[in-house]
Amino acid sequence: RFVQMQLEDKGTLDKLFETEKFDA
């Protein structure tokens, strides 16, 4: 899966991490 996002967008990035629970 792919998502367009800026790393500077902390709020949206945090939501991605919270939802997806990455291993790496």
PDB file of all heavy atoms in Angstrom:
ATOM      1  N   ARG A   1       0.855  -1.188   0.000  1.00  0.00           N
ATOM      2  CA  ARG A   1       0.000   0.000   0.000  1.00  0.00           C
ATOM      3  C   ARG A   1       0.893   1.241   0.000  1.00  0.00           C
ATOM      4  O   ARG A   1       2.040   1.192   0.431  1.00  0.00           O
ATOM      5  CB  ARG A   1      -0.915   0.016   1.226  1.00  0.00           C
ATOM      6  CG  ARG A   1      -2.005  -1.053   1.219  1.00  0.00           C
ATOM      7  CD  ARG A   1      -2.730  -1.111   2.552  1.00  0.00           C
ATOM      8  NE  ARG A   1      -1.828  -1.542   3.612  1.00  0.00           N
ATOM      9  CZ  ARG A   1      -1.995  -1.238   4.901  1.00  0.00           C
ATOM     10  NH1 ARG A   1      -3.001  -0.485   5.296  1.00  0.00           N
ATOM     11  NH2 ARG A   1      -1.138  -1.674   5.794  1.00  0.00           N
ATOM     12  N   PHE A   2       0.322   2.341  -0.480  1.00  0.00           N
ATOM     13  CA  PHE A   2       1.088   3.581  -0.607  1.00  0.00           C
ATOM     14  C   PHE A   2       0.287   4.746  -0.053  1.00  0.00           C
ATOM     15  O   PHE A   2      -0.939   4.793  -0.182  1.00  0.00           O
ATOM     16  CB  PHE A   2       1.433   3.856  -2.075  1.00  0.00           C
ATOM     17  CG  PHE A   2       2.059   5.211  -2.305  1.00  0.00           C
ATOM     18  CD1 PHE A   2       3.412   5.409  -2.062  1.00  0.00           C
ATOM     19  CD2 PHE A   2       1.286   6.283  -2.727  1.00  0.00           C
ATOM     20  CE1 PHE A   2       3.988   6.665  -2.255  1.00  0.00           C
ATOM     21  CE2 PHE A   2       1.851   7.535  -2.925  1.00  0.00           C
ATOM     22  CZ  PHE A   2       3.208   7.722  -2.693  1.00  0.00           C
ATOM     23  N   VAL A   3       0.998   5.716   0.545  1.00  0.00           N
ATOM     24  CA  VAL A   3       0.344   6.934   1.005  1.00  0.00           C
ATOM     25  C   VAL A   3       1.202   8.142   0.640  1.00  0.00           C
ATOM     26  O   VAL A   3       2.413   8.137   0.830  1.00  0.00           O
ATOM     27  CB  VAL A   3       0.082   6.903   2.531  1.00  0.00           C
ATOM     28  CG1 VAL A   3       1.379   6.772   3.340  1.00  0.00           C
ATOM     29  CG2 VAL A   3      -0.709   8.140   2.973  1.00  0.00           C
ATOM     30  N   GLN A   4       0.550   9.158   0.063  1.00  0.00           N
ATOM     31  CA  GLN A   4       1.240  10.420  -0.168  1.00  0.00           C
ATOM     32  C   GLN A   4       1.205  11.224   1.123  1.00  0.00           C
ATOM     33  O   GLN A   4       0.137  11.454   1.700  1.00  0.00           O
ATOM     34  CB  GLN A   4       0.579  11.222  -1.290  1.00  0.00           C
ATOM     35  CG  GLN A   4       1.308  12.521  -1.605  1.00  0.00           C
ATOM     36  CD  GLN A   4       0.611  13.355  -2.669  1.00  0.00           C
ATOM     37  OE1 GLN A   4      -0.575  13.167  -2.939  1.00  0.00           O
ATOM     38  NE2 GLN A   4       1.344  14.278  -3.278  1.00  0.00           N
ATOM     39  N   MET A   5       2.386  11.651   1.579  1.00  0.00           N
ATOM     40  CA  MET A   5       2.448  12.351   2.867  1.00  0.00           C
ATOM     41  C   MET A   5       3.786  13.066   2.976  1.00  0.00           C
ATOM     42  O   MET A   5       4.804  12.603   2.466  1.00  0.00           O
ATOM     43  CB  MET A   5       2.301  11.354   4.019  1.00  0.00           C
ATOM     44  CG  MET A   5       2.145  11.983   5.388  1.00  0.00           C
ATOM     45  SD  MET A   5       2.104  10.713   6.692  1.00  0.00           S
ATOM     46  CE  MET A   5       0.651   9.772   6.203  1.00  0.00           C
ATOM     47  N   GLN A   6       3.781  14.199   3.646  1.00  0.00           N
ATOM     48  CA  GLN A   6       5.020  14.892   3.975  1.00  0.00           C
ATOM     49  C   GLN A   6       5.460  14.489   5.378  1.00  0.00           C
ATOM     50  O   GLN A   6       4.641  14.458   6.301  1.00  0.00           O
ATOM     51  CB  GLN A   6       4.828  16.401   3.907  1.00  0.00           C
ATOM     52  CG  GLN A   6       4.558  16.935   2.506  1.00  0.00           C
ATOM     53  CD  GLN A   6       4.357  18.432   2.499  1.00  0.00           C
ATOM     54  OE1 GLN A   6       3.601  18.974   3.312  1.00  0.00           O
ATOM     55  NE2 GLN A   6       5.031  19.117   1.590  1.00  0.00           N
ATOM     56  N   LEU A   7       6.748  14.231   5.546  1.00  0.00           N
ATOM     57  CA  LEU A   7       7.246  13.867   6.869  1.00  0.00           C
ATOM     58  C   LEU A   7       7.101  15.014   7.867  1.00  0.00           C
ATOM     59  O   LEU A   7       7.050  14.788   9.077  1.00  0.00           O
ATOM     60  CB  LEU A   7       8.723  13.442   6.787  1.00  0.00           C
ATOM     61  CG  LEU A   7       9.031  12.194   5.969  1.00  0.00           C
ATOM     62  CD1 LEU A   7      10.511  11.854   6.077  1.00  0.00           C
ATOM     63  CD2 LEU A   7       8.185  11.014   6.424  1.00  0.00           C
ATOM     64  N   GLU A   8       7.044  16.242   7.358  1.00  0.00           N
ATOM     65  CA  GLU A   8       6.851  17.390   8.245  1.00  0.00           C
ATOM     66  C   GLU A   8       5.455  17.415   8.856  1.00  0.00           C
ATOM     67  O   GLU A   8       5.217  18.122   9.852  1.00  0.00           O
ATOM     68  CB  GLU A   8       7.074  18.704   7.478  1.00  0.00           C
ATOM     69  CG  GLU A   8       8.402  18.795   6.739  1.00  0.00           C
ATOM     70  CD  GLU A   8       8.276  18.375   5.283  1.00  0.00           C
ATOM     71  OE1 GLU A   8       8.108  17.175   5.015  1.00  0.00           O
ATOM     72  OE2 GLU A   8       8.332  19.270   4.404  1.00  0.00           O
ATOM     73  N   ASP A   9       4.528  16.663   8.276  1.00  0.00           N
ATOM     74  CA  ASP A   9       3.136  16.608   8.743  1.00  0.00           C
ATOM     75  C   ASP A   9       3.040  15.618   9.904  1.00  0.00           C
ATOM     76  O   ASP A   9       2.619  14.471   9.749  1.00  0.00           O
ATOM     77  CB  ASP A   9       2.237  16.178   7.581  1.00  0.00           C
ATOM     78  CG  ASP A   9       0.759  16.201   7.926  1.00  0.00           C
ATOM     79  OD1 ASP A   9       0.423  16.407   9.109  1.00  0.00           O
ATOM     80  OD2 ASP A   9      -0.056  15.990   7.006  1.00  0.00           O
ATOM     81  N   LYS A  10       3.437  16.079  11.082  1.00  0.00           N
ATOM     82  CA  LYS A  10       3.580  15.198  12.241  1.00  0.00           C
ATOM     83  C   LYS A  10       2.280  14.508  12.629  1.00  0.00           C
ATOM     84  O   LYS A  10       2.257  13.313  12.940  1.00  0.00           O
ATOM     85  CB  LYS A  10       4.130  15.977  13.436  1.00  0.00           C
ATOM     86  CG  LYS A  10       4.408  15.103  14.672  1.00  0.00           C
ATOM     87  CD  LYS A  10       4.974  15.913  15.810  1.00  0.00           C
ATOM     88  CE  LYS A  10       5.351  15.013  16.982  1.00  0.00           C
ATOM     89  NZ  LYS A  10       4.217  14.222  17.481  1.00  0.00           N
ATOM     90  N   GLY A  11       1.177  15.232  12.605  1.00  0.00           N
ATOM     91  CA  GLY A  11      -0.099  14.658  13.023  1.00  0.00           C
ATOM     92  C   GLY A  11      -0.526  13.487  12.157  1.00  0.00           C
ATOM     93  O   GLY A  11      -0.914  12.427  12.667  1.00  0.00           O
ATOM     94  N   THR A  12      -0.428  13.653  10.839  1.00  0.00           N
ATOM     95  CA  THR A  12      -0.825  12.587   9.927  1.00  0.00           C
ATOM     96  C   THR A  12       0.148  11.417  10.003  1.00  0.00           C
ATOM     97  O   THR A  12      -0.258  10.245   9.932  1.00  0.00           O
ATOM     98  CB  THR A  12      -0.901  13.127   8.480  1.00  0.00           C
ATOM     99  OG1 THR A  12      -1.712  14.307   8.459  1.00  0.00           O
ATOM    100  CG2 THR A  12      -1.513  12.106   7.545  1.00  0.00           C
ATOM    101  N   LEU A  13       1.437  11.724  10.170  1.00  0.00           N
ATOM    102  CA  LEU A  13       2.447  10.669  10.301  1.00  0.00           C
ATOM    103  C   LEU A  13       2.211   9.846  11.565  1.00  0.00           C
ATOM    104  O   LEU A  13       2.277   8.608  11.543  1.00  0.00           O
ATOM    105  CB  LEU A  13       3.849  11.286  10.324  1.00  0.00           C
ATOM    106  CG  LEU A  13       5.021  10.302  10.316  1.00  0.00           C
ATOM    107  CD1 LEU A  13       5.104   9.558   8.982  1.00  0.00           C
ATOM    108  CD2 LEU A  13       6.338  11.044  10.595  1.00  0.00           C
ATOM    109  N   ASP A  14       1.921  10.512  12.663  1.00  0.00           N
ATOM    110  CA  ASP A  14       1.653   9.803  13.922  1.00  0.00           C
ATOM    111  C   ASP A  14       0.457   8.861  13.790  1.00  0.00           C
ATOM    112  O   ASP A  14       0.466   7.732  14.308  1.00  0.00           O
ATOM    113  CB  ASP A  14       1.411  10.800  15.056  1.00  0.00           C
ATOM    114  CG  ASP A  14       2.703  11.413  15.593  1.00  0.00           C
ATOM    115  OD1 ASP A  14       3.787  10.926  15.216  1.00  0.00           O
ATOM    116  OD2 ASP A  14       2.622  12.365  16.389  1.00  0.00           O
ATOM    117  N   LYS A  15      -0.581   9.323  13.102  1.00  0.00           N
ATOM    118  CA  LYS A  15      -1.764   8.474  12.908  1.00  0.00           C
ATOM    119  C   LYS A  15      -1.416   7.223  12.119  1.00  0.00           C
ATOM    120  O   LYS A  15      -1.920   6.126  12.403  1.00  0.00           O
ATOM    121  CB  LYS A  15      -2.870   9.266  12.203  1.00  0.00           C
ATOM    122  CG  LYS A  15      -3.524  10.334  13.081  1.00  0.00           C
ATOM    123  CD  LYS A  15      -4.587  11.096  12.305  1.00  0.00           C
ATOM    124  CE  LYS A  15      -5.201  12.198  13.168  1.00  0.00           C
ATOM    125  NZ  LYS A  15      -6.190  13.001  12.395  1.00  0.00           N
ATOM    126  N   LEU A  16      -0.554   7.379  11.133  1.00  0.00           N
ATOM    127  CA  LEU A  16      -0.119   6.229  10.327  1.00  0.00           C
ATOM    128  C   LEU A  16       0.598   5.208  11.208  1.00  0.00           C
ATOM    129  O   LEU A  16       0.318   4.013  11.154  1.00  0.00           O
ATOM    130  CB  LEU A  16       0.798   6.698   9.197  1.00  0.00           C
ATOM    131  CG  LEU A  16       1.330   5.595   8.271  1.00  0.00           C
ATOM    132  CD1 LEU A  16       0.208   5.019   7.414  1.00  0.00           C
ATOM    133  CD2 LEU A  16       2.452   6.148   7.378  1.00  0.00           C
ATOM    134  N   PHE A  17       1.520   5.673  12.032  1.00  0.00           N
ATOM    135  CA  PHE A  17       2.258   4.785  12.930  1.00  0.00           C
ATOM    136  C   PHE A  17       1.334   4.126  13.946  1.00  0.00           C
ATOM    137  O   PHE A  17       1.449   2.926  14.227  1.00  0.00           O
ATOM    138  CB  PHE A  17       3.359   5.554  13.664  1.00  0.00           C
ATOM    139  CG  PHE A  17       4.669   5.603  12.931  1.00  0.00           C
ATOM    140  CD1 PHE A  17       4.842   6.437  11.828  1.00  0.00           C
ATOM    141  CD2 PHE A  17       5.739   4.841  13.351  1.00  0.00           C
ATOM    142  CE1 PHE A  17       6.055   6.494  11.156  1.00  0.00           C
ATOM    143  CE2 PHE A  17       6.960   4.882  12.695  1.00  0.00           C
ATOM    144  CZ  PHE A  17       7.114   5.712  11.590  1.00  0.00           C
ATOM    145  N   GLU A  18       0.412   4.893  14.498  1.00  0.00           N
ATOM    146  CA  GLU A  18      -0.509   4.368  15.504  1.00  0.00           C
ATOM    147  C   GLU A  18      -1.396   3.272  14.923  1.00  0.00           C
ATOM    148  O   GLU A  18      -1.649   2.247  15.564  1.00  0.00           O
ATOM    149  CB  GLU A  18      -1.382   5.505  16.051  1.00  0.00           C
ATOM    150  CG  GLU A  18      -2.326   5.071  17.145  1.00  0.00           C
ATOM    151  CD  GLU A  18      -3.158   6.225  17.682  1.00  0.00           C
ATOM    152  OE1 GLU A  18      -3.262   7.274  17.005  1.00  0.00           O
ATOM    153  OE2 GLU A  18      -3.718   6.089  18.781  1.00  0.00           O
ATOM    154  N   THR A  19      -1.839   3.464  13.687  1.00  0.00           N
ATOM    155  CA  THR A  19      -2.752   2.516  13.042  1.00  0.00           C
ATOM    156  C   THR A  19      -2.035   1.263  12.536  1.00  0.00           C
ATOM    157  O   THR A  19      -2.537   0.146  12.708  1.00  0.00           O
ATOM    158  CB  THR A  19      -3.471   3.198  11.859  1.00  0.00           C
ATOM    159  OG1 THR A  19      -4.165   4.351  12.331  1.00  0.00           O
ATOM    160  CG2 THR A  19      -4.451   2.244  11.202  1.00  0.00           C
ATOM    161  N   GLU A  20      -0.864   1.454  11.942  1.00  0.00           N
ATOM    162  CA  GLU A  20      -0.227   0.362  11.206  1.00  0.00           C
ATOM    163  C   GLU A  20       0.686  -0.522  12.045  1.00  0.00           C
ATOM    164  O   GLU A  20       0.934  -1.669  11.696  1.00  0.00           O
ATOM    165  CB  GLU A  20       0.550   0.924  10.000  1.00  0.00           C
ATOM    166  CG  GLU A  20      -0.335   1.564   8.947  1.00  0.00           C
ATOM    167  CD  GLU A  20      -1.348   0.601   8.366  1.00  0.00           C
ATOM    168  OE1 GLU A  20      -1.004  -0.578   8.139  1.00  0.00           O
ATOM    169  OE2 GLU A  20      -2.493   1.025   8.135  1.00  0.00           O
ATOM    170  N   LYS A  21       1.253   0.021  13.116  1.00  0.00           N
ATOM    171  CA  LYS A  21       2.111  -0.782  14.024  1.00  0.00           C
ATOM    172  C   LYS A  21       3.225  -1.510  13.265  1.00  0.00           C
ATOM    173  O   LYS A  21       3.265  -2.736  13.171  1.00  0.00           O
ATOM    174  CB  LYS A  21       1.250  -1.763  14.824  1.00  0.00           C
ATOM    175  CG  LYS A  21       0.233  -1.075  15.727  1.00  0.00           C
ATOM    176  CD  LYS A  21      -0.658  -2.064  16.461  1.00  0.00           C
ATOM    177  CE  LYS A  21      -1.531  -1.359  17.490  1.00  0.00           C
ATOM    178  NZ  LYS A  21      -2.352  -0.274  16.937  1.00  0.00           N
ATOM    179  N   PHE A  22       4.160  -0.728  12.754  1.00  0.00           N
ATOM    180  CA  PHE A  22       5.249  -1.260  11.937  1.00  0.00           C
ATOM    181  C   PHE A  22       6.267  -2.035  12.776  1.00  0.00           C
ATOM    182  O   PHE A  22       6.527  -1.708  13.925  1.00  0.00           O
ATOM    183  CB  PHE A  22       5.963  -0.115  11.211  1.00  0.00           C
ATOM    184  CG  PHE A  22       5.074   0.663  10.288  1.00  0.00           C
ATOM    185  CD1 PHE A  22       4.710   1.972  10.591  1.00  0.00           C
ATOM    186  CD2 PHE A  22       4.581   0.092   9.127  1.00  0.00           C
ATOM    187  CE1 PHE A  22       3.892   2.698   9.751  1.00  0.00           C
ATOM    188  CE2 PHE A  22       3.756   0.817   8.275  1.00  0.00           C
ATOM    189  CZ  PHE A  22       3.405   2.119   8.591  1.00  0.00           C
ATOM    190  N   ASP A  23       6.868  -3.040  12.140  1.00  0.00           N
ATOM    191  CA  ASP A  23       7.986  -3.765  12.751  1.00  0.00           C
ATOM    192  C   ASP A  23       9.310  -3.062  12.484  1.00  0.00           C
ATOM    193  O   ASP A  23      10.246  -3.160  13.280  1.00  0.00           O
ATOM    194  CB  ASP A  23       8.075  -5.189  12.188  1.00  0.00           C
ATOM    195  CG  ASP A  23       6.836  -6.006  12.489  1.00  0.00           C
ATOM    196  OD1 ASP A  23       6.436  -6.052  13.657  1.00  0.00           O
ATOM    197  OD2 ASP A  23       6.274  -6.596  11.543  1.00  0.00           O
ATOM    198  N   ALA A  24       9.403  -2.399  11.345  1.00  0.00           N
ATOM    199  CA  ALA A  24      10.641  -1.719  10.965  1.00  0.00           C
ATOM    200  C   ALA A  24      10.310  -0.523  10.082  1.00  0.00           C
ATOM    201  O   ALA A  24       9.279  -0.491   9.405  1.00  0.00           O
ATOM    202  CB  ALA A  24      11.571  -2.674  10.217  1.00  0.00           C
TER     203      ALA A  24
END
